[in-house]
Every structure is written in structure tokens, then in C-alpha cells.
């Protein structure tokens, strides 16, 4: 005869941390309560510390995720754009995520006619910059001061709607790249969505790793939007290359 016995799940490092406002918006009115929700895909919620920095000089900390189930309330006392950062940490690792909240005054109302105005504003954050670069165009040029992994956050604002996306990119002073083309048959299965391109990129990278001795962290594959399906393979120098640029270029040429 067997009886069920409760066993404790193994502890894991935090992964998939997400912070949002309860109403899903990236805007709030000055003086009103803003409720933030914290979600974690992986990690022991009981043994994971949660910290939330509201971006206005105040922050809160919780010993485990269960204390945040009802949401974390905060009132901003000034208008502006605030960088809200969440950190989940346990003995095995940590994860962090950021959103930018627009806190605005509401004593003046402007009505734009026609109501379907297409004026769009873009807010760009590079790395840990707290002040955004604001443009009316969906593209921007930026020079990073050093090589490595850099985070870019962009918000698109139109009327009362704001959307946000964050990407991490690899910046290298020098690298080799190869254009990849595919059989036209692949175009029939190309739905032209980011998820499909990411999946194909992972398949290409896995296949290349099986037939070459190039380290995984030095291979990047980018599948282009649209059809015909095409991609670009990037070969990066070793991040600890200490013999200078010339030596790194020689390695990539091999």
C-alpha cells in the first residue's frame, strides 16, 4: 500500500520575472494609487527575495513572492517618467526587469481632432540611462561606448496608449558576417512573425554547432522579416581575447 508524501521542490534560480501595472497601462495620474504586479515564471517563491524600485527614490523589499500577491501600491508625488525596476534573488541567482511609467498631471485636458490622429511618439532608453531619447520616427542611430551586451527599451505612445518592448543586443567592434539563403519551399511555411524567426534562428544555430567547433556564445543568427526567407550569421571574437584586434580578426578569418 502506498501513500502520498509531500516533498519539497528543488530550489531554482529566478527566471521570467515580469512587472506590470494592475490595469496593464504604462500611464498613471498624479496623486493616484498605482498597483504593481510581480510575476515569476521559475524559482522558489518562498525562498526568493523581491525588491521593487519605484524610480522616484523609494523602494520596497519582500522576503518572498507570496507577500506581493495582492499587488504593490505606490503613489507618485510628482509628474514625469519613472524607471520601475524589479529584482528577484535567491541563493542560486537573480533576475531583473524594468518598465517605464508615465505619471502625468490631469488639470488640463487637450482634445485632438480628428480622433484618429496618427501622431506617434517614441521613447528610447539605452542601457541604464534614466532619461529617454524622444523621437517622432521609429528608427534611431546610437553609438555605444563599449563592446558587450546592451539593453534597449522603446516605448511607442499614441493618444492615451503606450506600448513597451525591451531587447538585449550584442555590440562588437569587429566581427565576420555571412548572408544565408534558403530553399524557396521554406517561404510557404513562413508566417512572418517574430516567434517563427526566433525558432528558425535557434534551429540554424544548433545545426551549425553540430558541424563546427565554434563556441556557442560566439555565434549569432538573425532571420530577416519578410520573404524570401533570409538570415545573417555573425561570428564574434572571443570576449576574453587579450591579444588585440589584429589577433581576433585572424581567428575569425580561419
Protein backbone atom coordinates (compact mmCIF):
# COMPACT_ATOMS: atom_id res chain seq x y z
CA UNK A 1 0.00 0.00 0.00
CA UNK A 2 1.35 3.41 -0.99
CA UNK A 3 0.54 6.78 0.48
CA UNK A 4 1.31 10.19 -0.98
CA UNK A 5 4.05 12.11 0.73
CA UNK A 6 4.64 15.82 0.23
CA UNK A 7 8.16 16.61 -0.92
CA UNK A 8 9.76 19.98 -1.28
CA UNK A 9 10.52 21.04 -4.86
CA UNK A 10 14.19 21.70 -5.61
CA UNK A 11 15.18 25.33 -5.45
CA UNK A 12 15.90 27.03 -8.77
CA UNK A 13 17.27 30.44 -9.75
CA UNK A 14 14.65 33.08 -10.62
CA UNK A 15 13.69 33.27 -14.28
CA UNK A 16 10.99 35.05 -16.28
CA UNK A 17 10.49 37.98 -13.91
CA UNK A 18 7.81 40.42 -15.07
CA UNK A 19 6.43 43.61 -13.51
CA UNK A 20 3.23 45.26 -14.77
CA UNK A 21 0.63 47.69 -13.51
CA UNK A 22 -2.68 46.15 -12.45
CA UNK A 23 -4.59 47.83 -15.28
CA UNK A 24 -1.89 46.92 -17.80
CA UNK A 25 -1.20 50.58 -18.64
CA UNK A 26 2.09 52.46 -18.62
CA UNK A 27 0.43 55.72 -17.59
CA UNK A 28 -0.93 56.97 -14.26
CA UNK A 29 -2.45 60.18 -12.94
CA UNK A 30 -0.53 62.28 -10.46
CA UNK A 31 -1.54 61.50 -6.86
CA UNK A 32 -3.42 58.31 -7.70
CA UNK A 33 -2.59 54.84 -6.43
CA UNK A 34 -0.56 52.71 -8.84
CA UNK A 35 -0.64 48.97 -8.16
CA UNK A 36 2.26 46.92 -9.49
CA UNK A 37 2.05 43.16 -10.02
CA UNK A 38 5.14 40.94 -9.94
CA UNK A 39 5.19 37.59 -11.75
CA UNK A 40 7.93 34.94 -11.79
CA UNK A 41 7.95 32.00 -14.23
CA UNK A 42 10.58 29.92 -12.43
CA UNK A 43 12.14 29.91 -8.97
CA UNK A 44 11.08 29.02 -5.45
CA UNK A 45 8.64 31.80 -4.50
CA UNK A 46 9.09 31.07 -0.78
CA UNK A 47 12.89 31.44 -0.86
CA UNK A 48 13.14 34.28 -3.37
CA UNK A 49 13.54 37.89 -2.23
CA UNK A 50 11.67 40.54 -4.21
CA UNK A 51 12.76 44.18 -4.47
CA UNK A 52 10.85 46.89 -6.32
CA UNK A 53 12.42 50.29 -7.00
CA UNK A 54 9.75 52.82 -7.98
CA UNK A 55 12.23 55.15 -9.70
CA UNK A 56 11.43 58.17 -7.52
CA UNK A 57 13.96 57.48 -4.78
CA UNK A 58 11.81 54.95 -2.89
CA UNK A 59 11.85 51.16 -2.94
CA UNK A 60 10.35 48.20 -1.09
CA UNK A 61 11.65 44.71 -0.35
CA UNK A 62 9.83 41.45 0.43
CA UNK A 63 11.24 38.23 1.83
CA UNK A 64 9.29 36.10 -0.64
CA UNK A 65 6.98 36.43 -3.62
CA UNK A 66 3.80 35.48 -1.72
CA UNK A 67 3.78 38.88 0.02
CA UNK A 68 3.22 40.57 -3.35
CA UNK A 69 0.18 38.56 -4.47
CA UNK A 70 -2.25 41.42 -3.75
CA UNK A 71 -0.07 43.86 -5.65
CA UNK A 72 2.32 46.58 -4.52
CA UNK A 73 0.73 50.02 -4.21
CA UNK A 74 2.57 53.30 -4.66
CA UNK A 75 1.66 56.99 -5.07
CA UNK A 76 3.91 59.27 -7.11
CA UNK A 77 4.11 62.85 -5.82
CA UNK A 78 5.48 64.42 -9.00
CA UNK A 79 4.89 64.12 -12.72
CA UNK A 80 7.45 62.53 -15.02
CA UNK A 81 8.67 59.25 -16.45
CA UNK A 82 9.83 56.81 -13.79
CA UNK A 83 12.09 53.77 -14.26
CA UNK A 84 10.47 50.98 -12.21
CA UNK A 85 12.86 48.07 -11.62
CA UNK A 86 12.05 44.69 -10.07
CA UNK A 87 14.69 42.27 -8.75
CA UNK A 88 14.13 38.64 -7.77
CA UNK A 89 17.04 36.97 -5.99
CA UNK A 90 17.81 33.73 -4.17
CA UNK A 91 20.93 31.73 -3.36
CA UNK A 92 21.15 30.34 -6.91
CA UNK A 93 20.88 33.55 -8.90
CA UNK A 94 18.74 36.53 -9.77
CA UNK A 95 16.57 38.06 -12.49
CA UNK A 96 15.59 41.67 -13.13
CA UNK A 97 13.10 43.54 -15.28
CA UNK A 98 12.17 47.16 -15.94
CA UNK A 99 9.19 49.22 -17.07
CA UNK A 100 8.88 52.96 -17.58
CA UNK A 101 5.78 54.57 -16.08
CA UNK A 102 4.48 57.93 -17.33
CA UNK A 103 3.00 59.83 -14.37
CA UNK A 104 1.11 62.88 -15.60
CA UNK A 105 -0.88 65.81 -14.27
CA UNK A 106 -4.55 65.93 -15.20
CA UNK A 107 -5.55 69.53 -14.55
CA UNK A 108 -5.58 70.34 -18.29
CA UNK A 109 -7.40 68.36 -20.98
CA UNK A 110 -6.50 68.63 -24.65
CA UNK A 111 -8.82 67.28 -27.33
CA UNK A 112 -7.23 66.29 -30.63
CA UNK A 113 -9.41 66.26 -33.73
CA UNK A 114 -9.80 64.13 -35.69
CA UNK A 115 -9.86 61.45 -33.00
CA UNK A 116 -7.90 59.03 -35.21
CA UNK A 117 -4.81 61.25 -35.28
CA UNK A 118 -1.74 59.17 -36.12
CA UNK A 119 0.83 61.24 -34.22
CA UNK A 120 3.18 58.72 -32.62
CA UNK A 121 5.99 59.45 -30.16
CA UNK A 122 8.91 57.09 -29.45
CA UNK A 123 10.83 56.98 -26.15
CA UNK A 124 14.23 55.23 -26.26
CA UNK A 125 16.36 54.10 -23.31
CA UNK A 126 19.87 52.74 -23.91
CA UNK A 127 21.49 50.69 -21.15
CA UNK A 128 20.81 52.12 -17.70
CA UNK A 129 20.03 55.65 -18.87
CA UNK A 130 17.18 57.14 -16.86
CA UNK A 131 16.43 59.92 -19.36
CA UNK A 132 14.86 58.78 -22.65
CA UNK A 133 15.69 59.97 -26.14
CA UNK A 134 12.39 61.13 -27.68
CA UNK A 135 11.73 60.94 -31.43
CA UNK A 136 8.81 61.09 -33.83
CA UNK A 137 10.43 58.46 -36.03
CA UNK A 138 10.51 54.70 -35.44
CA UNK A 139 14.26 54.47 -36.08
CA UNK A 140 17.25 56.00 -34.33
CA UNK A 141 21.06 55.92 -34.51
CA UNK A 142 23.09 55.37 -31.34
CA UNK A 143 26.76 54.72 -30.61
CA UNK A 144 27.53 52.54 -27.59
CA UNK A 145 30.70 53.45 -25.64
CA UNK A 146 31.96 49.87 -25.35
CA UNK A 147 31.55 46.30 -26.60
CA UNK A 148 29.30 43.76 -24.89
CA UNK A 149 25.63 43.12 -24.24
CA UNK A 150 23.43 46.22 -24.13
CA UNK A 151 19.74 46.61 -23.31
CA UNK A 152 17.45 48.82 -25.39
CA UNK A 153 13.94 49.73 -24.24
CA UNK A 154 11.50 51.52 -26.53
CA UNK A 155 8.01 52.82 -25.84
CA UNK A 156 5.52 53.84 -28.51
CA UNK A 157 2.92 56.40 -27.43
CA UNK A 158 -0.17 57.40 -29.39
CA UNK A 159 -3.04 59.31 -27.76
CA UNK A 160 -3.63 57.54 -24.39
CA UNK A 161 -2.00 54.24 -25.38
CA UNK A 162 1.62 53.30 -24.63
CA UNK A 163 3.36 50.04 -25.56
CA UNK A 164 6.82 48.93 -24.42
CA UNK A 165 9.38 46.41 -25.67
CA UNK A 166 12.89 45.57 -24.46
CA UNK A 167 15.68 43.83 -26.34
CA UNK A 168 19.25 42.89 -25.45
CA UNK A 169 21.76 43.20 -28.28
CA UNK A 170 25.43 42.27 -28.70
CA UNK A 171 27.72 45.14 -29.69
CA UNK A 172 31.14 44.28 -31.16
CA UNK A 173 33.85 46.49 -32.60
CA UNK A 174 34.62 43.88 -35.27
CA UNK A 175 33.08 40.61 -36.44
CA UNK A 176 32.50 38.45 -39.52
CA UNK A 177 29.08 38.03 -41.04
CA UNK A 178 27.67 35.72 -43.69
CA UNK A 179 24.36 36.05 -45.50
CA UNK A 180 22.27 32.87 -45.53
CA UNK A 181 19.64 31.96 -48.13
CA UNK A 182 17.17 29.08 -48.13
CA UNK A 183 15.14 26.94 -50.48
CA UNK A 184 12.02 28.73 -51.79
CA UNK A 185 9.99 25.90 -50.24
CA UNK A 186 10.62 27.42 -46.81
CA UNK A 187 8.70 30.55 -47.78
CA UNK A 188 5.47 28.55 -47.81
CA UNK A 189 5.87 27.92 -44.07
CA UNK A 190 7.00 31.46 -43.19
CA UNK A 191 4.18 33.28 -41.31
CA UNK A 192 6.44 36.36 -40.98
CA UNK A 193 6.12 36.68 -37.19
CA UNK A 194 8.94 37.23 -34.64
CA UNK A 195 8.34 33.90 -32.86
CA UNK A 196 8.84 31.92 -36.09
CA UNK A 197 12.03 33.82 -36.92
CA UNK A 198 13.41 33.17 -33.43
CA UNK A 199 12.65 29.44 -33.72
CA UNK A 200 14.33 29.21 -37.14
CA UNK A 201 17.34 31.12 -35.80
CA UNK A 202 17.72 28.61 -32.96
CA UNK A 203 17.49 25.68 -35.41
CA UNK A 204 20.16 27.20 -37.65
CA UNK A 205 22.47 27.86 -34.71
CA UNK A 206 22.03 24.32 -33.37
CA UNK A 207 22.83 22.82 -36.78
CA UNK A 208 25.97 24.96 -37.12
CA UNK A 209 27.20 23.96 -33.67
CA UNK A 210 26.92 20.29 -34.65
CA UNK A 211 29.19 20.68 -37.69
CA UNK A 212 31.70 23.23 -36.36
CA UNK A 213 33.85 23.76 -33.30
CA UNK A 214 32.90 27.42 -32.92
CA UNK A 215 31.82 28.22 -29.33
CA UNK A 216 28.09 28.79 -28.92
CA UNK A 217 28.49 32.25 -27.37
CA UNK A 218 30.37 33.42 -30.49
CA UNK A 219 27.56 32.57 -32.92
CA UNK A 220 24.58 34.84 -33.57
CA UNK A 221 21.85 34.21 -36.14
CA UNK A 222 19.36 36.87 -37.23
CA UNK A 223 16.46 35.88 -39.50
CA UNK A 224 15.15 38.82 -41.53
CA UNK A 225 11.44 39.72 -41.67
CA UNK A 226 9.51 39.06 -44.86
CA UNK A 227 10.04 36.74 -47.80
CA UNK A 228 12.07 35.35 -49.43
CA UNK A 229 13.39 33.93 -46.17
CA UNK A 230 16.95 35.06 -45.48
CA UNK A 231 19.23 35.33 -42.48
CA UNK A 232 22.62 36.64 -41.42
CA UNK A 233 25.20 34.68 -39.42
CA UNK A 234 27.53 36.66 -37.16
CA UNK A 235 30.86 35.24 -35.96
CA UNK A 236 32.06 37.12 -32.89
CA UNK A 237 35.56 37.23 -31.38
CA UNK A 238 36.11 35.64 -28.01
CA UNK A 239 35.06 38.07 -25.28
CA UNK A 240 38.31 37.41 -23.38
CA UNK A 241 40.53 37.90 -26.40
CA UNK A 242 43.60 39.62 -24.94
CA UNK A 243 45.98 39.75 -27.92
CA UNK A 244 44.39 42.73 -29.60
CA UNK A 245 42.16 43.42 -32.54
CA UNK A 246 44.55 42.03 -35.18
CA UNK A 247 44.74 38.61 -33.50
CA UNK A 248 40.95 38.47 -33.14
CA UNK A 249 40.48 39.25 -36.82
CA UNK A 250 42.91 36.45 -37.71
CA UNK A 251 40.87 33.98 -35.67
CA UNK A 252 37.64 34.98 -37.39
CA UNK A 253 39.25 34.59 -40.83
CA UNK A 254 40.13 30.94 -40.15
